[in-house]
Protein backbone atom coordinates (compact mmCIF):
# COMPACT_ATOMS: atom_id res chain seq x y z
CA UNK A 1 68.28 126.34 113.30
CA UNK A 2 69.52 128.39 110.36
CA UNK A 3 66.76 130.70 109.16
CA UNK A 4 68.87 132.71 106.73
CA UNK A 5 67.24 130.63 103.98
CA UNK A 6 63.45 130.73 103.81
CA UNK A 7 63.21 127.10 102.84
CA UNK A 8 65.69 124.63 104.22
CA UNK A 9 66.22 120.99 105.21
CA UNK A 10 68.21 120.18 108.36
CA UNK A 11 68.10 116.47 107.51
CA UNK A 12 69.67 116.81 104.06
CA UNK A 13 73.12 115.30 103.50
CA UNK A 14 74.20 117.87 100.93
CA UNK A 15 72.97 121.04 99.25
CA UNK A 16 73.50 122.33 95.73
CA UNK A 17 72.06 125.29 93.83
CA UNK A 18 70.16 125.34 90.58
CA UNK A 19 71.93 126.79 87.57
CA UNK A 20 69.49 127.89 84.91
CA UNK A 21 70.43 128.76 81.33
CA UNK A 22 68.96 132.26 81.74
CA UNK A 23 68.93 134.65 84.65
CA UNK A 24 66.45 133.33 87.18
CA UNK A 25 66.35 133.25 90.94
CA UNK A 26 68.38 130.21 92.01
CA UNK A 27 66.82 127.61 94.23
CA UNK A 28 68.45 125.14 96.61
CA UNK A 29 68.64 121.45 95.76
CA UNK A 30 68.57 119.37 98.94
CA UNK A 31 70.19 115.95 98.56
CA UNK A 32 69.41 112.91 100.68
CA UNK A 33 71.62 109.83 100.56
CA UNK A 34 69.58 106.67 100.08
CA UNK A 35 71.56 103.46 100.75
CA UNK A 36 70.86 100.40 98.56
CA UNK A 37 67.69 98.47 99.37
CA UNK A 38 66.39 101.32 101.55
CA UNK A 39 63.49 103.56 100.56
CA UNK A 40 64.38 107.00 101.88
CA UNK A 41 62.12 110.06 101.94
CA UNK A 42 63.12 113.69 102.26
CA UNK A 43 61.86 116.61 104.30
CA UNK A 44 61.62 120.39 103.98
CA UNK A 45 61.05 123.26 106.40
CA UNK A 46 59.78 126.73 105.54
CA UNK A 47 59.88 129.86 107.69
CA UNK A 48 59.56 133.60 107.13
CA UNK A 49 60.41 136.39 109.57
CA UNK A 50 60.18 133.92 112.46
CA UNK A 51 58.60 133.99 114.95
CA UNK A 52 55.84 135.80 113.03
CA UNK A 53 52.68 133.85 112.40
CA UNK A 54 51.98 133.04 108.74
CA UNK A 55 50.08 130.69 106.51
CA UNK A 56 51.92 128.07 104.41
CA UNK A 57 50.58 126.39 101.28
CA UNK A 58 52.80 123.68 99.74
CA UNK A 59 52.74 122.53 96.10
CA UNK A 60 54.65 119.91 94.14
CA UNK A 61 56.06 120.36 90.65
CA UNK A 62 54.05 118.70 87.89
CA UNK A 63 56.26 117.57 84.99
CA UNK A 64 53.19 117.21 82.73
CA UNK A 65 52.04 120.82 83.10
CA UNK A 66 55.40 122.39 83.88
CA UNK A 67 54.11 124.13 86.98
CA UNK A 68 53.82 123.79 90.74
CA UNK A 69 50.13 122.87 90.70
CA UNK A 70 49.92 119.72 92.81
CA UNK A 71 48.63 120.68 96.30
CA UNK A 72 50.53 119.08 99.18
CA UNK A 73 49.81 120.71 102.54
CA UNK A 74 48.28 123.87 103.97
CA UNK A 75 48.97 125.17 107.46
CA UNK A 76 47.63 128.37 108.99
CA UNK A 77 48.79 130.58 111.82
CA UNK A 78 52.19 128.90 112.39
CA UNK A 79 55.74 130.22 112.60
CA UNK A 80 57.23 127.50 110.38
CA UNK A 81 55.94 124.60 108.33
CA UNK A 82 57.35 121.08 107.93
CA UNK A 83 56.82 118.83 104.94
CA UNK A 84 57.92 115.23 105.51
CA UNK A 85 58.08 111.87 103.68
CA UNK A 86 58.80 113.50 100.36
CA UNK A 87 59.94 111.77 97.17
CA UNK A 88 62.39 113.50 94.88
CA UNK A 89 61.08 116.44 92.89
CA UNK A 90 60.32 120.15 93.04
CA UNK A 91 58.44 121.90 95.85
CA UNK A 92 57.14 125.41 96.31
CA UNK A 93 55.65 127.03 99.38
CA UNK A 94 53.38 130.09 99.38
CA UNK A 95 53.79 132.09 102.57
CA UNK A 96 51.14 134.72 103.36
CA UNK A 97 49.29 136.36 106.25
CA UNK A 98 46.66 138.51 104.50
CA UNK A 99 48.39 141.78 105.32
CA UNK A 100 52.08 142.36 104.64
CA UNK A 101 53.41 138.92 103.69
CA UNK A 102 52.82 137.23 100.37
CA UNK A 103 55.78 135.40 98.82
CA UNK A 104 56.86 132.03 97.46
CA UNK A 105 59.99 129.94 97.87
CA UNK A 106 61.11 127.03 95.71
CA UNK A 107 63.33 124.05 96.46
CA UNK A 108 64.23 120.81 94.76
CA UNK A 109 64.71 117.56 96.54
CA UNK A 110 66.94 114.75 95.25
CA UNK A 111 66.96 111.23 96.75
CA UNK A 112 70.49 110.24 95.77
CA UNK A 113 71.31 106.62 95.02
CA UNK A 114 74.81 105.32 94.34
CA UNK A 115 75.55 101.70 93.45
CA UNK A 116 78.99 100.10 93.44
CA UNK A 117 79.41 96.53 92.24
CA UNK A 118 82.25 94.04 91.65
CA UNK A 119 81.80 91.04 89.39
CA UNK A 120 81.78 87.92 91.61
CA UNK A 121 80.18 84.52 91.94
CA UNK A 122 77.14 83.72 94.07
CA UNK A 123 79.30 83.13 97.14
CA UNK A 124 81.03 86.50 96.90
CA UNK A 125 84.27 85.12 95.49
CA UNK A 126 86.22 86.36 92.51
CA UNK A 127 85.15 84.51 89.39
CA UNK A 128 87.57 81.69 88.53
CA UNK A 129 87.70 83.02 84.98
CA UNK A 130 89.17 86.27 86.33
CA UNK A 131 92.53 84.89 87.42
CA UNK A 132 95.32 82.48 86.51
CA UNK A 133 98.83 81.91 87.82
CA UNK A 134 99.96 84.88 85.75
CA UNK A 135 97.35 87.58 86.24
CA UNK A 136 94.25 88.68 88.14
CA UNK A 137 91.51 90.95 86.80
CA UNK A 138 89.04 93.00 88.82
CA UNK A 139 85.85 94.20 87.16
CA UNK A 140 83.79 96.89 88.83
CA UNK A 141 80.94 99.23 87.97
CA UNK A 142 79.70 102.43 89.56
CA UNK A 143 76.21 103.72 88.84
CA UNK A 144 75.45 107.29 89.85
CA UNK A 145 72.01 108.81 90.15
CA UNK A 146 70.63 111.29 87.63
CA UNK A 147 68.38 114.15 88.77
CA UNK A 148 66.66 116.83 86.73
CA UNK A 149 65.17 120.09 87.92
CA UNK A 150 63.18 122.31 85.54
CA UNK A 151 63.70 125.76 84.14
CA UNK A 152 60.76 127.91 85.35
CA UNK A 153 60.67 129.84 82.06
CA UNK A 154 61.37 127.28 79.33
CA UNK A 155 60.10 124.30 81.37
CA UNK A 156 63.12 122.41 80.03
CA UNK A 157 64.83 119.84 82.26
CA UNK A 158 68.26 120.79 83.60
CA UNK A 159 70.51 117.98 84.75
CA UNK A 160 72.06 118.29 88.17
CA UNK A 161 75.78 117.82 87.70
CA UNK A 162 77.13 114.66 89.28
CA UNK A 163 80.19 112.49 88.86
CA UNK A 164 82.17 110.02 90.91
CA UNK A 165 85.60 108.91 92.01
CA UNK A 166 86.61 105.40 93.04
CA UNK A 167 89.41 103.53 94.76
CA UNK A 168 90.45 99.87 94.77
CA UNK A 169 91.91 98.76 98.12
CA UNK A 170 92.44 95.48 99.95
CA UNK A 171 93.00 93.99 103.39
CA UNK A 172 96.47 92.88 102.27
CA UNK A 173 99.05 95.39 103.51
CA UNK A 174 101.71 93.97 101.16
CA UNK A 175 99.58 94.37 98.05
CA UNK A 176 99.93 97.17 95.52
CA UNK A 177 96.96 97.51 93.17
CA UNK A 178 97.84 99.04 89.80
CA UNK A 179 95.69 101.92 88.53
CA UNK A 180 93.72 101.72 91.76
CA UNK A 181 91.91 105.02 91.15
CA UNK A 182 92.02 105.07 87.34
CA UNK A 183 90.69 101.78 85.95
CA UNK A 184 87.41 100.19 86.99
CA UNK A 185 87.10 97.44 84.40
CA UNK A 186 89.25 95.60 83.64
CA UNK A 187 91.80 96.34 86.33
CA UNK A 188 94.51 93.74 85.74
CA UNK A 189 97.58 92.96 87.79
CA UNK A 190 100.33 90.63 86.67
CA UNK A 191 101.50 90.04 90.23
CA UNK A 192 98.55 88.34 91.96
CA UNK A 193 98.86 88.07 95.75
CA UNK A 194 99.97 84.84 97.39
CA UNK A 195 97.75 85.57 100.41
CA UNK A 196 93.97 85.19 100.47
CA UNK A 197 92.74 88.73 99.91
CA UNK A 198 89.59 90.82 100.13
CA UNK A 199 89.45 93.39 97.33
CA UNK A 200 87.36 96.46 98.15
CA UNK A 201 85.88 99.00 95.74
CA UNK A 202 84.82 102.32 97.25
CA UNK A 203 83.01 104.92 95.15
CA UNK A 204 82.06 108.49 96.04
CA UNK A 205 79.81 110.73 94.01
CA UNK A 206 80.02 114.51 93.66
CA UNK A 207 77.59 115.05 96.53
CA UNK A 208 79.72 113.04 98.98
CA UNK A 209 77.71 109.82 99.05
CA UNK A 210 79.81 106.67 99.26
CA UNK A 211 79.10 103.05 98.48
CA UNK A 212 81.33 100.00 98.95
CA UNK A 213 81.48 96.51 97.51
CA UNK A 214 84.01 93.74 98.07
CA UNK A 215 85.08 90.40 96.63
CA UNK A 216 87.17 87.57 98.08
CA UNK A 217 90.15 86.05 96.27
CA UNK A 218 91.31 82.66 97.51
CA UNK A 219 94.90 82.72 96.35
CA UNK A 220 96.37 80.08 94.06
CA UNK A 221 99.73 81.86 94.02
CA UNK A 222 102.88 80.83 95.83
CA UNK A 223 105.68 82.88 97.37
CA UNK A 224 109.00 81.06 97.62
CA UNK A 225 111.45 82.13 100.29
CA UNK A 226 114.06 80.67 102.59
CA UNK A 227 116.67 81.54 105.17
CA UNK A 228 119.79 79.61 106.04
CA UNK A 229 122.28 78.83 108.78
CA UNK A 230 126.01 78.21 108.42
CA UNK A 231 127.82 75.59 110.46
CA UNK A 232 130.71 77.47 112.01
CA UNK A 233 133.66 76.06 113.96
CA UNK A 234 135.06 77.82 117.00
CA UNK A 235 138.47 77.10 118.47
CA UNK A 236 138.67 76.36 122.21
CA UNK A 237 142.14 77.20 123.44
CA UNK A 238 141.57 75.46 126.78
CA UNK A 239 141.49 71.99 125.29
CA UNK A 240 142.91 72.83 121.85
CA UNK A 241 139.81 71.59 120.01
CA UNK A 242 137.32 72.92 117.52
CA UNK A 243 133.58 72.71 118.10
CA UNK A 244 130.77 74.13 116.01
CA UNK A 245 127.10 74.73 115.56
CA UNK A 246 124.70 76.27 113.10
CA UNK A 247 124.43 80.05 113.20
CA UNK A 248 121.72 82.00 111.42
CA UNK A 249 123.25 84.07 108.63
CA UNK A 250 122.33 86.70 106.12
CA UNK A 251 123.71 86.99 102.60
CA UNK A 252 126.40 87.63 101.69
CA UNK A 253 127.83 84.87 103.88
CA UNK A 254 131.05 82.93 103.77
CA UNK A 255 132.99 80.05 105.31
CA UNK A 256 135.69 77.60 104.43
CA UNK A 257 135.18 74.16 102.97
CA UNK A 258 133.64 71.89 103.91
CA UNK A 259 130.91 74.51 104.43
CA UNK A 260 127.76 72.95 105.81
CA UNK A 261 124.56 74.96 105.30
CA UNK A 262 121.13 74.27 106.73
CA UNK A 263 118.16 75.76 104.86
CA UNK A 264 114.80 76.78 106.32
CA UNK A 265 111.80 76.89 104.03
CA UNK A 266 109.81 80.09 104.58
CA UNK A 267 107.62 79.85 101.50
CA UNK A 268 103.95 80.79 101.59
CA UNK A 269 101.07 78.83 100.07
CA UNK A 270 103.33 76.14 98.64
CA UNK A 271 102.49 72.50 97.97
CA UNK A 272 105.79 71.09 96.71
CA UNK A 273 109.35 72.37 96.57
CA UNK A 274 112.58 71.86 94.69
CA UNK A 275 115.75 72.90 96.47
CA UNK A 276 118.58 73.91 94.15
CA UNK A 277 121.75 74.09 96.22
CA UNK A 278 124.16 75.09 93.47
CA UNK A 279 123.75 76.29 89.94
CA UNK A 280 125.54 75.41 86.76
CA UNK A 281 126.16 78.99 85.67
CA UNK A 282 128.02 80.14 88.75
CA UNK A 283 129.75 76.99 89.97
CA UNK A 284 129.70 74.38 87.20
CA UNK A 285 127.85 72.18 89.66
CA UNK A 286 124.24 71.23 90.08
CA UNK A 287 122.57 69.60 93.07
CA UNK A 288 118.88 69.56 93.87
CA UNK A 289 116.35 67.89 96.15
CA UNK A 290 112.56 67.52 95.93
CA UNK A 291 110.18 67.60 98.88
CA UNK A 292 106.59 68.39 99.82
CA UNK A 293 107.39 68.94 103.50
CA UNK A 294 107.43 72.62 104.43
CA UNK A 295 109.08 71.85 107.77
CA UNK A 296 111.93 69.88 106.21
CA UNK A 297 115.30 71.62 106.66
CA UNK A 298 117.80 70.22 104.15
CA UNK A 299 121.54 70.42 104.74
CA UNK A 300 124.11 70.74 102.01
CA UNK A 301 127.90 70.72 102.17
CA UNK A 302 129.76 73.05 99.81
CA UNK A 303 133.21 71.69 99.03
CA UNK A 304 134.72 73.73 96.24
CA UNK A 305 135.70 77.37 96.94
CA UNK A 306 133.37 79.51 94.86
CA UNK A 307 130.29 81.75 95.00
CA UNK A 308 127.01 79.87 95.27
CA UNK A 309 123.47 81.10 94.65
CA UNK A 310 121.06 78.51 96.06
CA UNK A 311 117.39 78.71 95.10
CA UNK A 312 114.02 77.20 95.86
CA UNK A 313 111.31 76.51 93.30
CA UNK A 314 107.89 76.42 94.96
CA UNK A 315 104.69 75.10 93.41
CA UNK A 316 101.19 75.80 94.75
CA UNK A 317 98.44 73.22 94.89
CA UNK A 318 96.91 74.86 91.83
CA UNK A 319 100.16 74.44 89.90
CA UNK A 320 101.49 78.00 90.07
CA UNK A 321 105.30 78.06 90.11
CA UNK A 322 107.71 80.70 91.35
CA UNK A 323 111.41 80.77 92.21
CA UNK A 324 113.40 82.54 94.89
CA UNK A 325 117.16 82.74 94.42
CA UNK A 326 119.78 84.47 96.53
CA UNK A 327 120.98 87.66 94.91
CA UNK A 328 124.12 87.73 97.05
CA UNK A 329 126.18 84.57 97.29
CA UNK A 330 127.18 82.05 99.87
CA UNK A 331 130.95 82.03 99.43
CA UNK A 332 133.32 79.17 100.10
CA UNK A 333 136.66 80.83 100.85
CA UNK A 334 139.70 79.89 98.73
CA UNK A 335 142.27 77.65 100.39
CA UNK A 336 144.82 79.26 102.68
CA UNK A 337 147.73 78.21 104.89
CA UNK A 338 149.44 80.50 107.41
CA UNK A 339 152.22 79.01 109.54
CA UNK A 340 153.44 80.45 112.84
CA UNK A 341 157.14 80.73 113.59
CA UNK A 342 157.06 80.19 117.36
CA UNK A 343 155.12 78.27 120.01
CA UNK A 344 155.59 77.57 123.71
CA UNK A 345 154.39 74.14 124.91
CA UNK A 346 154.72 74.90 128.59
CA UNK A 347 151.09 74.02 129.44
CA UNK A 348 150.10 77.51 130.48
CA UNK A 349 147.17 77.50 128.07
CA UNK A 350 148.80 80.03 125.77
CA UNK A 351 150.20 78.98 122.40
CA UNK A 352 150.88 75.46 123.66
CA UNK A 353 150.53 73.81 120.23
CA UNK A 354 152.14 74.31 116.89
CA UNK A 355 149.18 74.65 114.54
CA UNK A 356 148.55 76.30 111.21
CA UNK A 357 145.91 78.83 110.30
CA UNK A 358 143.94 77.27 107.46
CA UNK A 359 140.99 77.71 105.15
CA UNK A 360 139.43 75.15 102.82
CA UNK A 361 142.24 72.57 103.15
CA UNK A 362 141.33 69.09 101.89
CA UNK A 363 144.54 67.14 102.52
CA UNK A 364 147.37 67.96 104.88
CA UNK A 365 150.57 66.24 105.96
CA UNK A 366 153.37 67.58 108.11
CA UNK A 367 156.83 66.40 109.23
CA UNK A 368 159.01 68.21 111.75
CA UNK A 369 162.79 67.68 112.17
CA UNK A 370 165.35 68.83 114.67
CA UNK A 371 168.69 70.40 113.71
CA UNK A 372 170.29 67.01 113.20
CA UNK A 373 167.59 65.98 110.72
CA UNK A 374 165.90 63.59 113.11
CA UNK A 375 162.10 63.53 112.76
CA UNK A 376 160.37 64.54 115.97
CA UNK A 377 156.76 64.74 114.72
CA UNK A 378 154.63 63.70 111.76
CA UNK A 379 150.89 63.70 110.95
CA UNK A 380 148.62 62.79 108.06
CA UNK A 381 145.47 64.89 108.55
CA UNK A 382 142.16 64.16 106.83
CA UNK A 383 140.12 66.72 108.80
CA UNK A 384 141.86 69.89 109.84
CA UNK A 385 139.31 70.52 112.57
CA UNK A 386 140.30 67.31 114.33
CA UNK A 387 144.05 67.96 114.24
CA UNK A 388 145.29 69.19 117.59
CA UNK A 389 148.73 70.13 116.28
CA UNK A 390 152.17 69.35 117.67
CA UNK A 391 152.34 69.56 121.45
CA UNK A 392 156.16 69.77 121.51
CA UNK A 393 156.78 66.15 122.48
CA UNK A 394 159.05 63.85 120.51
CA UNK A 395 157.08 61.43 118.28
CA UNK A 396 153.98 61.39 120.51
CA UNK A 397 156.01 60.36 123.57
CA UNK A 398 155.95 61.98 126.95
CA UNK A 399 159.42 63.43 126.36
CA UNK A 400 159.42 67.08 125.53
CA UNK A 401 161.56 68.31 122.69
CA UNK A 402 164.33 70.68 123.60
CA UNK A 403 163.87 74.41 123.04
CA UNK A 404 165.27 75.72 119.80
CA UNK A 405 164.73 75.73 116.05
CA UNK A 406 162.86 72.97 114.23
CA UNK A 407 162.31 72.43 110.56
CA UNK A 408 158.88 71.58 109.11
CA UNK A 409 157.87 70.24 105.76
CA UNK A 410 154.18 70.58 104.82
CA UNK A 411 152.39 69.07 101.87
CA UNK A 412 148.75 70.21 101.51
CA UNK A 413 146.01 70.48 98.93
CA UNK A 414 143.05 72.83 99.05
CA UNK A 415 139.51 71.98 98.03
CA UNK A 416 140.11 74.31 95.12
CA UNK A 417 142.97 71.99 94.03
CA UNK A 418 145.56 74.50 95.11
CA UNK A 419 148.74 72.61 96.04
CA UNK A 420 150.83 73.66 99.00
CA UNK A 421 153.91 71.55 98.27
CA UNK A 422 156.91 71.01 100.48
CA UNK A 423 159.19 73.08 98.32
CA UNK A 424 157.08 76.11 99.12
CA UNK A 425 156.16 75.16 102.69
CA UNK A 426 159.54 74.28 104.11
CA UNK A 427 160.38 76.51 107.03
CA UNK A 428 161.41 76.84 110.65
CA UNK A 429 159.57 77.19 113.92
CA UNK A 430 161.09 78.11 117.26
CA UNK A 431 160.06 76.00 120.26
CA UNK A 432 160.23 78.13 123.39
CA UNK A 433 159.88 76.88 126.95
CA UNK A 434 159.67 79.24 129.87
CA UNK A 435 162.31 78.85 132.59
CA UNK A 436 161.17 77.02 135.71
């Protein structure tokens, strides 16, 4: 127990000191935090030259007379005196023993109340008038307690200095509250959360007492979002075929036409959706699809080489609308033809077919001639991924063409309308067979 002060209060939550306008002996102000709806009383302890035996006479301050003239308690022949169940006010104790001790000590006692409140309906929800699709407004109040002690000379009341700070928080880790420690009412955000959120207002006064209130916001907002997968072909050299599957991708992403894309709706709090697969600004095309099924995964085939910025427009049940659009494109690669100059159809699994390297080719035809001008192979290809290429046999027979130079003529058109005509794509390929 700290006996450096002659009057003290171990149960107090905070202590301040009186500050009188003129020079006077300062007195402690013991502060007790009183939560809402709880009637709290204070307590004081007096001691002098412990463990000496003294007499203690307690008095309460009388605001009508301006003096400590209201008797409270008298105790004789004790080492310290306790005064309990005290309301706020001023208290003085006279300590004496009839011989060498005769002194008084003064203390003030403040029952501190702090009240924090958020405007809400009877069920604890944010008032419907406080939010729309475009904004949300929080309204809070903080009421601090006022306490006066009295100047012993002038009898004038002196206000105990008190202020407060506050902070708006929430249970939503993604949420940023503007002016969270600067504006109590109205605190408006123009980006309301799409998740149901508890808003919490915490206030703290100058003595360290805190009080908290909260309000629930059942979100009417929507957050549109999606991911996508590209259908990608993979060449199998063992059987000279292409096979493919969807592969999850991140923008920017690219592939050749026909580029099939599967979209996954990852929106939050949506009720209906509009998929916009291509936009008129970037591609001179427009394709959309409406749905109310969150689990629906639409597929769209991009044909024309270009950059595409698909989007989703999501609408909440309350009618709030928001749009998510890719910032980086899905790119359909321009058409391309690359033609090898040698192949070896000797069935060793290596370079057994004469094929072309291609991107975004829509139409393709090929004719191959030997040195005498006799046609040994021809093909009209509508899907490049199904064309196996020339296996080195004469006109799809079982007779293998002789090793040597062959002439090809290719006529092709890309999905971007690029023409690969036979004048440009007339060349030679060498057929090589290993010696047995």
